Amino acid sequence: MRMLKELQRISGHGTELVTVYIPPKRPIFDVIAQLRNEAGTASNIKSDLTRSHVQDALSRTIEYLKLFKETPEKGLVIFCGAIPTGKGLGTEKIELYSVLPPKPVQIQLYRCDDHFWVDHLRDMLKDDKVIGIIAIDTQEAGLGILTGDRWEVVDTMTSGVAGKHRQGGQSARRFERLRENELNEYYNRVGDHAQRVFIDQFNIKGLIVGGPGPTKDNFLKEEYLDYRLQNNVIATLDTSYSGDEGIREIIDKVNDQGVMSEYRLMEEKKVVKKFMSEVHSGKGLGIYGIHDVIGSLRNGIVDMVIVTDDVNFVNLEVKCKKCGTVQQKFIDRS
């Protein structure tokens, strides 16, 4: 995902950034023939610089494709073009990025534009297993989602329902009747909004409902939810909070109770917990720091590597032209 974000930020000076999506069963030689034809067509581009960049990008892509005897099992995605260096027009550098997608490529695409076409690949990387979360009590409700390695609060709603104590000179029966009407209207609002968020927007695969007290149980028992959500509730949890704080509490609890253990967020928590346990045990089985980790990898003594998505190190190898000595350094590019 990080590479996609970087590619998405790249903007060419002209229509000189090439994107190629190759589906699994398309022969490599067929793609090469198409790109050669496109290179011939590019000779008609009026701008000398743009024409040169497009032809160079296509030539680089063709040479890369020659490394493959056949198309990879799930297809191949290639981004290639003249990437601005920040030193002015004409100093761009031809760079190629290839991606073996996690799912079979469903389209056959060639584009030459001022940006890379990453939307199709980004859609492929989306997790299909989206879980909806409702944290509700009589005062507020929070709607959230858990998908892959992330979760978010989508929306919160307040009820406007009066407390249980009577206001003014109202009789107990009249006050209770008004409060029940307010609760009914509130539950209906939550149910309608849940349908828009969890069915129309995210098409969730399961729903968790939590909250303090009996509100969540009454909400489900009276079937305020759309039947597709009502029949898709995978767990109900008792929490101390509702709203956005309730959603956070539910996320913490689902792992402890074994709910959704197949989701990456929960798996990551287990991995990090195991790592921290090894670090504090003093047995030397848990190490950290880029130099120690790289050294262990080179020695072949690593069982698992945890990499955060905000690593800003660049591996530089410097070779002396006279003696051939190679030195390696990891530079923090931030």
Protein backbone atom coordinates (compact mmCIF):
# COMPACT_ATOMS: atom_id res chain seq x y z
CA MET A 1 0.00 0.00 0.00
CA ARG A 2 2.86 2.35 0.71
CA MET A 3 4.27 1.91 -2.79
CA LEU A 4 0.83 2.62 -4.26
CA LYS A 5 0.60 5.85 -2.29
CA GLU A 6 4.00 6.90 -3.62
CA LEU A 7 3.02 6.02 -7.19
CA GLN A 8 -0.23 7.92 -6.81
CA ARG A 9 1.67 11.08 -5.87
CA ILE A 10 3.83 10.98 -9.01
CA SER A 11 2.83 13.42 -11.73
CA GLY A 12 4.55 13.50 -15.12
CA HIS A 13 5.27 16.61 -17.15
CA GLY A 14 3.20 15.16 -19.98
CA THR A 15 1.43 11.95 -20.93
CA GLU A 16 4.59 9.95 -20.36
CA LEU A 17 3.79 7.58 -17.49
CA VAL A 18 3.01 4.05 -18.70
CA THR A 19 0.68 1.65 -16.88
CA VAL A 20 0.24 -1.97 -17.98
CA TYR A 21 -2.14 -4.55 -16.45
CA ILE A 22 -1.62 -8.10 -17.72
CA PRO A 23 -4.25 -10.76 -16.87
CA PRO A 24 -3.03 -14.28 -15.96
CA LYS A 25 -3.67 -16.07 -19.26
CA ARG A 26 -2.42 -13.40 -21.66
CA PRO A 27 0.83 -14.49 -23.39
CA ILE A 28 3.86 -12.32 -22.65
CA PHE A 29 4.83 -12.16 -26.34
CA ASP A 30 1.39 -10.73 -27.10
CA VAL A 31 1.94 -7.91 -24.61
CA ILE A 32 5.42 -7.22 -26.00
CA ALA A 33 4.00 -7.00 -29.53
CA GLN A 34 1.38 -4.49 -28.37
CA LEU A 35 3.96 -2.32 -26.60
CA ARG A 36 6.21 -2.32 -29.66
CA ASN A 37 3.27 -1.13 -31.70
CA GLU A 38 2.60 1.58 -29.11
CA ALA A 39 6.26 2.63 -29.31
CA GLY A 40 5.84 3.09 -33.06
CA THR A 41 2.71 5.18 -32.52
CA ALA A 42 4.57 7.30 -29.95
CA SER A 43 6.85 8.56 -32.73
CA ASN A 44 3.98 10.89 -33.69
CA ILE A 45 4.09 12.76 -30.36
CA LYS A 46 4.97 16.41 -31.11
CA SER A 47 6.95 17.17 -27.96
CA ASP A 48 10.51 15.86 -28.32
CA LEU A 49 10.90 15.36 -24.57
CA THR A 50 7.57 13.60 -24.09
CA ARG A 51 8.16 11.40 -27.14
CA SER A 52 11.60 10.40 -25.85
CA HIS A 53 10.25 9.63 -22.37
CA VAL A 54 7.36 7.51 -23.66
CA GLN A 55 9.58 5.51 -25.99
CA ASP A 56 12.18 4.99 -23.25
CA ALA A 57 9.49 3.83 -20.81
CA LEU A 58 8.04 1.40 -23.34
CA SER A 59 11.50 0.09 -24.22
CA ARG A 60 12.30 -0.44 -20.53
CA THR A 61 8.98 -2.26 -20.02
CA ILE A 62 9.57 -4.51 -23.02
CA GLU A 63 13.03 -5.46 -21.82
CA TYR A 64 11.62 -6.27 -18.38
CA LEU A 65 8.88 -8.47 -19.84
CA LYS A 66 11.50 -10.48 -21.74
CA LEU A 67 12.62 -11.83 -18.35
CA PHE A 68 9.34 -13.79 -18.11
CA LYS A 69 8.77 -17.05 -19.98
CA GLU A 70 5.07 -16.86 -19.18
CA THR A 71 2.64 -14.60 -17.36
CA PRO A 72 2.67 -15.09 -13.57
CA GLU A 73 -0.17 -17.10 -12.06
CA LYS A 74 -2.19 -14.05 -10.97
CA GLY A 75 -1.02 -11.72 -13.71
CA LEU A 76 1.33 -8.75 -13.59
CA VAL A 77 1.09 -4.98 -13.16
CA ILE A 78 3.84 -2.64 -14.40
CA PHE A 79 4.30 1.09 -13.87
CA CYS A 80 7.10 2.75 -15.83
CA GLY A 81 7.88 6.32 -16.75
CA ALA A 82 10.01 9.42 -16.45
CA ILE A 83 9.95 10.30 -12.76
CA PRO A 84 10.71 13.95 -11.90
CA THR A 85 13.89 14.37 -9.84
CA GLY A 86 13.07 17.85 -8.60
CA LYS A 87 16.02 19.32 -10.49
CA GLY A 88 14.04 20.75 -13.37
CA LEU A 89 12.61 19.73 -16.74
CA GLY A 90 14.76 17.28 -18.67
CA THR A 91 16.36 15.70 -15.59
CA GLU A 92 13.70 13.01 -15.16
CA LYS A 93 14.79 9.42 -14.60
CA ILE A 94 13.11 6.36 -16.14
CA GLU A 95 11.96 4.10 -13.31
CA LEU A 96 10.06 0.81 -13.46
CA TYR A 97 7.88 -0.68 -10.71
CA SER A 98 6.36 -4.15 -11.06
CA VAL A 99 3.73 -5.73 -8.84
CA LEU A 100 2.69 -9.37 -8.50
CA PRO A 101 -0.93 -8.81 -7.43
CA PRO A 102 -2.54 -10.66 -4.50
CA LYS A 103 -5.55 -11.57 -6.66
CA PRO A 104 -5.88 -12.41 -10.36
CA VAL A 105 -5.86 -9.34 -12.60
CA GLN A 106 -9.31 -9.02 -14.14
CA ILE A 107 -8.55 -6.39 -16.79
CA GLN A 108 -6.26 -5.96 -19.76
CA LEU A 109 -5.02 -2.39 -19.73
CA TYR A 110 -2.44 -0.13 -21.35
CA ARG A 111 -2.44 3.57 -20.48
CA CYS A 112 0.00 6.39 -21.18
CA ASP A 113 -0.94 9.38 -19.06
CA ASP A 114 0.39 12.11 -16.76
CA HIS A 115 -0.25 9.78 -13.79
CA PHE A 116 -0.11 6.06 -13.06
CA TRP A 117 -3.41 4.15 -13.07
CA VAL A 118 -3.31 2.58 -9.59
CA ASP A 119 -7.06 2.40 -8.83
CA HIS A 120 -7.54 -1.15 -10.13
CA LEU A 121 -4.62 -2.44 -8.07
CA ARG A 122 -5.73 -0.56 -4.97
CA ASP A 123 -9.19 -2.11 -5.27
CA MET A 124 -7.58 -5.56 -5.47
CA LEU A 125 -5.73 -4.92 -2.21
CA LYS A 126 -8.90 -4.10 -0.31
CA ASP A 127 -9.88 -6.74 2.20
CA ASP A 128 -13.11 -8.51 1.24
CA LYS A 129 -13.92 -9.27 4.87
CA VAL A 130 -15.44 -6.12 6.33
CA ILE A 131 -17.03 -6.34 9.77
CA GLY A 132 -19.53 -3.77 11.00
CA ILE A 133 -19.60 -2.60 14.62
CA ILE A 134 -22.41 -0.91 16.56
CA ALA A 135 -21.78 0.40 20.08
CA ILE A 136 -25.13 1.54 21.46
CA ASP A 137 -26.93 2.65 24.61
CA THR A 138 -29.92 4.92 25.21
CA GLN A 139 -27.82 8.08 24.83
CA GLU A 140 -25.64 7.50 21.77
CA ALA A 141 -24.62 4.99 19.12
CA GLY A 142 -21.38 4.56 17.24
CA LEU A 143 -21.02 2.84 13.87
CA GLY A 144 -17.62 1.53 12.82
CA ILE A 145 -15.91 -0.97 10.55
CA LEU A 146 -13.02 -3.39 10.87
CA THR A 147 -11.34 -4.40 7.63
CA GLY A 148 -7.99 -6.13 7.26
CA ASP A 149 -5.43 -4.31 9.40
CA ARG A 150 -7.42 -1.16 10.12
CA TRP A 151 -10.58 0.01 11.84
CA GLU A 152 -12.40 3.30 11.84
CA VAL A 153 -15.37 5.05 13.39
CA VAL A 154 -17.73 5.82 10.52
CA ASP A 155 -20.31 7.88 12.40
CA THR A 156 -21.84 8.60 15.81
CA MET A 157 -25.43 9.49 16.66
CA THR A 158 -27.00 10.97 19.78
CA SER A 159 -30.44 9.87 20.88
CA GLY A 160 -32.01 12.98 22.40
CA VAL A 161 -33.88 10.61 24.73
CA ALA A 162 -34.66 11.99 28.18
CA GLY A 163 -33.24 10.31 31.26
CA LYS A 164 -35.33 8.02 33.42
CA HIS A 165 -36.23 10.76 35.91
CA ARG A 166 -39.43 12.68 35.24
CA GLN A 167 -39.25 16.26 34.07
CA GLY A 168 -41.62 19.01 35.18
CA GLY A 169 -45.01 17.94 36.44
CA GLN A 170 -45.49 15.00 34.09
CA SER A 171 -47.12 11.87 35.41
CA ALA A 172 -44.96 8.76 35.57
CA ARG A 173 -47.07 6.95 32.96
CA ARG A 174 -47.11 9.86 30.50
CA PHE A 175 -43.39 10.44 30.92
CA GLU A 176 -42.60 6.77 30.34
CA ARG A 177 -44.79 6.71 27.22
CA LEU A 178 -43.00 9.75 25.77
CA ARG A 179 -39.63 8.19 26.57
CA GLU A 180 -40.57 4.93 24.85
CA ASN A 181 -41.61 6.87 21.75
CA GLU A 182 -38.30 8.72 21.74
CA LEU A 183 -36.39 5.44 22.12
CA ASN A 184 -38.37 3.87 19.30
CA GLU A 185 -37.60 6.79 17.01
CA TYR A 186 -33.92 6.67 18.01
CA TYR A 187 -33.64 2.92 17.38
CA ASN A 188 -35.26 3.36 13.97
CA ARG A 189 -32.75 6.08 13.09
CA VAL A 190 -29.87 3.84 14.11
CA GLY A 191 -31.30 0.94 12.10
CA ASP A 192 -31.81 3.07 8.97
CA HIS A 193 -28.32 4.53 9.22
CA ALA A 194 -26.82 1.07 9.79
CA GLN A 195 -28.41 -0.11 6.55
CA ARG A 196 -26.91 2.78 4.59
CA VAL A 197 -23.45 2.30 6.09
CA PHE A 198 -23.16 -1.47 6.41
CA ILE A 199 -25.10 -2.60 3.32
CA ASP A 200 -25.09 0.22 0.79
CA GLN A 201 -21.61 1.58 1.52
CA PHE A 202 -19.46 -1.28 2.84
CA ASN A 203 -21.41 -4.51 2.21
CA ILE A 204 -20.17 -6.04 5.46
CA LYS A 205 -19.70 -9.78 6.04
CA GLY A 206 -20.67 -9.75 9.69
CA LEU A 207 -21.86 -7.45 12.50
CA ILE A 208 -20.85 -7.05 16.14
CA VAL A 209 -23.19 -5.20 18.49
CA GLY A 210 -21.99 -4.00 21.88
CA GLY A 211 -22.74 -1.52 24.61
CA PRO A 212 -23.42 -1.13 28.33
CA GLY A 213 -26.56 -2.56 29.90
CA PRO A 214 -29.52 -4.20 28.15
CA THR A 215 -29.95 -1.60 25.37
CA LYS A 216 -28.08 -3.61 22.74
CA ASP A 217 -30.14 -6.71 23.54
CA ASN A 218 -33.43 -4.82 23.33
CA PHE A 219 -32.29 -3.21 20.08
CA LEU A 220 -31.67 -6.64 18.55
CA LYS A 221 -34.67 -8.34 20.13
CA GLU A 222 -37.09 -5.79 18.68
CA GLU A 223 -35.44 -6.20 15.23
CA TYR A 224 -34.80 -2.57 14.37
CA LEU A 225 -32.05 -3.68 11.99
CA ASP A 226 -32.55 -4.66 8.36
CA TYR A 227 -33.05 -8.43 8.24
CA ARG A 228 -29.79 -8.84 6.30
CA LEU A 229 -27.92 -7.29 9.23
CA GLN A 230 -30.11 -8.91 11.88
CA ASN A 231 -29.26 -12.37 10.50
CA ASN A 232 -25.58 -11.49 10.22
CA VAL A 233 -24.80 -10.64 13.86
CA ILE A 234 -21.73 -12.69 14.81
CA ALA A 235 -21.34 -11.47 18.40
CA THR A 236 -22.79 -9.25 21.13
CA LEU A 237 -20.43 -7.79 23.71
CA ASP A 238 -20.84 -5.99 27.02
CA THR A 239 -18.85 -2.77 27.13
CA SER A 240 -18.47 0.15 29.50
CA TYR A 241 -19.00 2.72 26.76
CA SER A 242 -21.09 3.38 23.67
CA GLY A 243 -20.37 5.65 20.69
CA ASP A 244 -16.81 5.95 19.40
CA GLU A 245 -15.28 4.93 22.74
CA GLY A 246 -17.48 1.83 22.68
CA ILE A 247 -16.15 0.90 19.24
CA ARG A 248 -12.58 1.14 20.51
CA GLU A 249 -13.49 -1.05 23.47
CA ILE A 250 -15.12 -3.65 21.19
CA ILE A 251 -11.98 -3.82 19.02
CA ASP A 252 -9.93 -4.59 22.14
CA LYS A 253 -12.38 -7.23 23.35
CA VAL A 254 -12.97 -9.24 20.20
CA ASN A 255 -9.45 -10.65 20.23
CA ASP A 256 -9.68 -11.75 23.88
CA GLN A 257 -12.90 -13.64 23.17
CA GLY A 258 -11.63 -15.32 19.99
CA VAL A 259 -13.97 -13.38 17.69
CA MET A 260 -12.58 -12.68 14.23
CA SER A 261 -9.20 -14.21 14.95
CA GLU A 262 -8.72 -14.58 11.19
CA TYR A 263 -8.49 -10.86 10.70
CA ARG A 264 -5.04 -9.36 10.25
CA LEU A 265 -5.50 -6.72 12.92
CA MET A 266 -6.01 -9.42 15.52
CA GLU A 267 -3.18 -11.54 14.16
CA GLU A 268 -0.87 -8.53 14.31
CA LYS A 269 -1.74 -7.96 17.96
CA LYS A 270 -0.82 -11.57 18.73
CA VAL A 271 2.48 -11.27 16.87
CA VAL A 272 3.42 -8.02 18.62
CA LYS A 273 2.47 -9.49 22.00
CA LYS A 274 4.68 -12.52 21.36
CA PHE A 275 7.55 -10.28 20.23
CA MET A 276 7.34 -8.06 23.33
CA SER A 277 7.27 -11.17 25.52
CA GLU A 278 10.47 -12.45 23.89
CA VAL A 279 12.19 -9.07 24.20
CA HIS A 280 11.43 -8.86 27.93
CA SER A 281 12.29 -12.51 28.60
CA GLY A 282 16.01 -11.86 28.11
CA LYS A 283 16.47 -15.08 26.10
CA GLY A 284 17.74 -13.16 23.07
CA LEU A 285 15.03 -14.53 20.77
CA GLY A 286 13.50 -11.10 20.25
CA ILE A 287 15.69 -8.43 18.65
CA TYR A 288 15.00 -5.03 17.11
CA GLY A 289 16.84 -2.34 15.20
CA ILE A 290 17.55 -2.45 11.48
CA HIS A 291 21.21 -3.46 11.77
CA ASP A 292 20.61 -6.38 14.16
CA VAL A 293 17.64 -7.61 12.13
CA ILE A 294 19.49 -7.42 8.79
CA GLY A 295 22.46 -9.21 10.34
CA SER A 296 20.26 -12.04 11.58
CA LEU A 297 18.56 -12.31 8.20
CA ARG A 298 21.94 -12.68 6.48
CA ASN A 299 22.87 -15.42 8.94
CA GLY A 300 19.60 -17.26 8.25
CA ILE A 301 18.50 -17.36 11.90
CA VAL A 302 15.21 -15.45 11.62
CA ASP A 303 11.79 -17.05 12.13
CA MET A 304 9.63 -13.93 11.72
CA VAL A 305 10.23 -10.29 10.78
CA ILE A 306 7.89 -7.47 11.81
CA VAL A 307 8.07 -4.41 9.56
CA THR A 308 6.12 -1.22 10.22
CA ASP A 309 4.61 0.68 7.29
CA ASP A 310 6.48 3.89 8.12
CA VAL A 311 10.06 2.66 7.62
CA ASN A 312 11.99 5.45 5.89
CA PHE A 313 15.36 3.75 5.44
CA VAL A 314 17.02 3.45 2.04
CA ASN A 315 19.65 0.77 1.40
CA LEU A 316 22.68 2.33 -0.33
CA GLU A 317 25.53 0.30 -1.76
CA VAL A 318 28.65 2.29 -2.69
CA LYS A 319 31.33 0.62 -4.83
CA CYS A 320 34.85 1.96 -5.25
CA LYS A 321 35.77 2.13 -8.94
CA LYS A 322 39.44 1.49 -8.23
CA CYS A 323 39.49 -1.39 -5.76
CA GLY A 324 35.91 -2.69 -6.12
CA THR A 325 35.25 -2.47 -2.37
CA VAL A 326 31.53 -2.29 -1.62
CA GLN A 327 30.15 -0.50 1.42
CA GLN A 328 26.53 -0.65 2.49
CA LYS A 329 24.65 1.93 4.51
CA PHE A 330 21.06 2.38 5.60
CA ILE A 331 20.09 6.04 5.27
CA ASP A 332 17.02 7.57 6.90
CA ARG A 333 15.46 9.53 4.05
CA SER A 334 13.12 11.43 6.33
